[in-house]
Amino acid sequence: MSRARPPLSASKADAERRPEHWSADAGHRDVVKLDIPADAARERRFEIYVRLVAANPAARPGATHALRVLVDGALEWERSASTPGDGPDSLDLRLARTVPVGRPLRLNATCAVRGGAQRVALSITADEEP
């Protein structure tokens, strides 16, 4: 016969809880979205990493890659750069966000490649800070 464990106190449950890890990859698309659902009981803080990797295999002059990042629908960051022909190049963004109790976090990254540049990878990762 097994015994049911008594419920954990809130502080003990928090101590045993693992930090959240969320990630999304664009695959073959130029857009990646990551929606982190709301938590009804606690505020959370996330370290977010957005990465675009692009290449210019034909070494065409004038090739460019660009990254645009929205957080909860608002423009957070936007950059473009020339894409060299000597190997992959990247645009990277790190930011931290505190998410209030009961609110989701919505992340969206869009890339554009021009003039012979090619998207190699586009991803978003969010790790909860303990």
Protein backbone atom coordinates (compact mmCIF):
# COMPACT_ATOMS: atom_id res chain seq x y z
CA MET A 1 0.00 0.00 0.00
CA SER A 2 1.43 3.39 -0.96
CA ARG A 3 1.02 6.53 0.99
CA ALA A 4 0.15 9.84 -0.58
CA ARG A 5 2.75 12.52 0.01
CA PRO A 6 1.56 15.58 1.86
CA PRO A 7 1.33 18.70 -0.32
CA LEU A 8 4.52 20.75 -0.55
CA SER A 9 4.57 24.16 1.03
CA ALA A 10 4.88 27.02 -1.46
CA SER A 11 8.48 27.77 -0.51
CA LYS A 12 9.52 24.11 -0.76
CA ALA A 13 7.73 23.76 -4.12
CA ASP A 14 9.56 26.85 -5.39
CA ALA A 15 12.88 25.44 -4.22
CA GLU A 16 12.26 22.15 -6.06
CA ARG A 17 11.01 23.82 -9.24
CA ARG A 18 13.41 23.87 -12.16
CA PRO A 19 13.92 27.11 -14.10
CA GLU A 20 11.92 27.22 -17.33
CA HIS A 21 13.65 26.79 -20.70
CA TRP A 22 11.89 27.70 -23.94
CA SER A 23 13.20 27.65 -27.51
CA ALA A 24 11.98 27.91 -31.07
CA ASP A 25 13.71 27.43 -34.42
CA ALA A 26 12.51 28.93 -37.69
CA GLY A 27 13.40 25.85 -39.74
CA HIS A 28 13.08 26.93 -43.39
CA ARG A 29 11.07 30.06 -42.60
CA ASP A 30 12.20 33.68 -42.19
CA VAL A 31 10.09 34.16 -39.04
CA VAL A 32 10.29 32.50 -35.64
CA LYS A 33 7.78 32.98 -32.82
CA LEU A 34 8.09 31.96 -29.20
CA ASP A 35 5.09 32.34 -26.89
CA ILE A 36 5.72 31.72 -23.20
CA PRO A 37 2.45 31.20 -21.35
CA ALA A 38 1.47 33.19 -18.29
CA ASP A 39 2.08 31.91 -14.78
CA ALA A 40 -0.84 32.66 -12.47
CA ALA A 41 1.22 32.50 -9.28
CA ARG A 42 4.57 34.22 -9.76
CA GLU A 43 6.63 36.82 -11.56
CA ARG A 44 9.45 35.44 -13.71
CA ARG A 45 12.59 36.89 -15.29
CA PHE A 46 13.97 35.51 -18.55
CA GLU A 47 17.31 35.85 -20.31
CA ILE A 48 16.46 35.88 -24.03
CA TYR A 49 18.82 35.10 -26.89
CA VAL A 50 17.89 35.71 -30.53
CA ARG A 51 20.28 34.58 -33.26
CA LEU A 52 20.37 34.91 -37.05
CA VAL A 53 23.15 33.18 -38.96
CA ALA A 54 23.62 34.08 -42.64
CA ALA A 55 26.12 33.16 -45.33
CA ASN A 56 27.17 34.50 -48.73
CA PRO A 57 28.46 31.37 -50.48
CA ALA A 58 28.96 33.10 -53.86
CA ALA A 59 30.80 36.00 -52.15
CA ARG A 60 28.58 38.50 -53.93
CA PRO A 61 29.32 42.13 -53.13
CA GLY A 62 26.38 43.96 -51.60
CA ALA A 63 24.86 40.90 -49.88
CA THR A 64 23.12 41.78 -46.61
CA HIS A 65 21.25 40.16 -43.75
CA ALA A 66 18.87 41.82 -41.29
CA LEU A 67 17.12 40.90 -38.05
CA ARG A 68 14.03 42.48 -36.48
CA VAL A 69 12.85 41.49 -32.97
CA LEU A 70 9.45 42.24 -31.43
CA VAL A 71 8.65 41.72 -27.74
CA ASP A 72 4.94 41.63 -26.90
CA GLY A 73 4.23 43.22 -30.28
CA ALA A 74 6.57 46.20 -29.85
CA LEU A 75 9.78 46.68 -31.83
CA GLU A 76 12.68 45.91 -29.50
CA TRP A 77 15.66 45.80 -31.86
CA GLU A 78 16.47 45.98 -35.56
CA ARG A 79 19.80 45.72 -37.37
CA SER A 80 21.20 44.92 -40.80
CA ALA A 81 24.74 44.10 -41.82
CA SER A 82 26.71 43.23 -44.91
CA THR A 83 27.20 39.50 -45.34
CA PRO A 84 30.86 38.65 -46.02
CA GLY A 85 31.79 35.89 -48.42
CA ASP A 86 34.42 34.30 -46.17
CA GLY A 87 32.07 32.25 -44.00
CA PRO A 88 28.91 32.60 -41.94
CA ASP A 89 28.12 35.80 -40.08
CA SER A 90 25.51 36.43 -37.39
CA LEU A 91 23.34 39.04 -35.77
CA ASP A 92 22.74 38.27 -32.10
CA LEU A 93 20.60 39.89 -29.43
CA ARG A 94 20.59 39.22 -25.70
CA LEU A 95 18.05 40.86 -23.45
CA ALA A 96 16.34 40.24 -20.15
CA ARG A 97 12.63 40.59 -19.47
CA THR A 98 10.61 40.44 -16.28
CA VAL A 99 7.18 38.91 -16.87
CA PRO A 100 4.48 39.96 -14.38
CA VAL A 101 2.12 37.45 -12.75
CA GLY A 102 -0.63 36.37 -15.13
CA ARG A 103 0.97 37.76 -18.32
CA PRO A 104 2.44 35.80 -21.22
CA LEU A 105 5.64 36.77 -23.05
CA ARG A 106 5.45 36.88 -26.85
CA LEU A 107 8.67 36.98 -28.88
CA ASN A 108 8.91 37.32 -32.65
CA ALA A 109 12.03 37.51 -34.83
CA THR A 110 12.03 38.16 -38.57
CA CYS A 111 15.01 38.05 -40.89
CA ALA A 112 15.68 39.30 -44.40
CA VAL A 113 18.53 38.33 -46.71
CA ARG A 114 19.39 40.15 -49.95
CA GLY A 115 21.91 40.24 -52.76
CA GLY A 116 22.98 36.61 -52.60
CA ALA A 117 22.98 36.16 -48.82
CA GLN A 118 21.28 33.03 -47.47
CA ARG A 119 19.72 32.38 -44.08
CA VAL A 120 21.46 29.51 -42.31
CA ALA A 121 19.61 29.62 -38.97
CA LEU A 122 17.13 31.73 -37.01
CA SER A 123 16.23 30.93 -33.41
CA ILE A 124 15.01 32.26 -30.07
CA THR A 125 15.88 30.85 -26.66
CA ALA A 126 14.54 32.02 -23.30
CA ASP A 127 15.90 30.77 -19.97
CA GLU A 128 14.33 31.67 -16.68
CA GLU A 129 16.76 33.17 -14.22
CA PRO A 130 16.68 31.27 -10.94
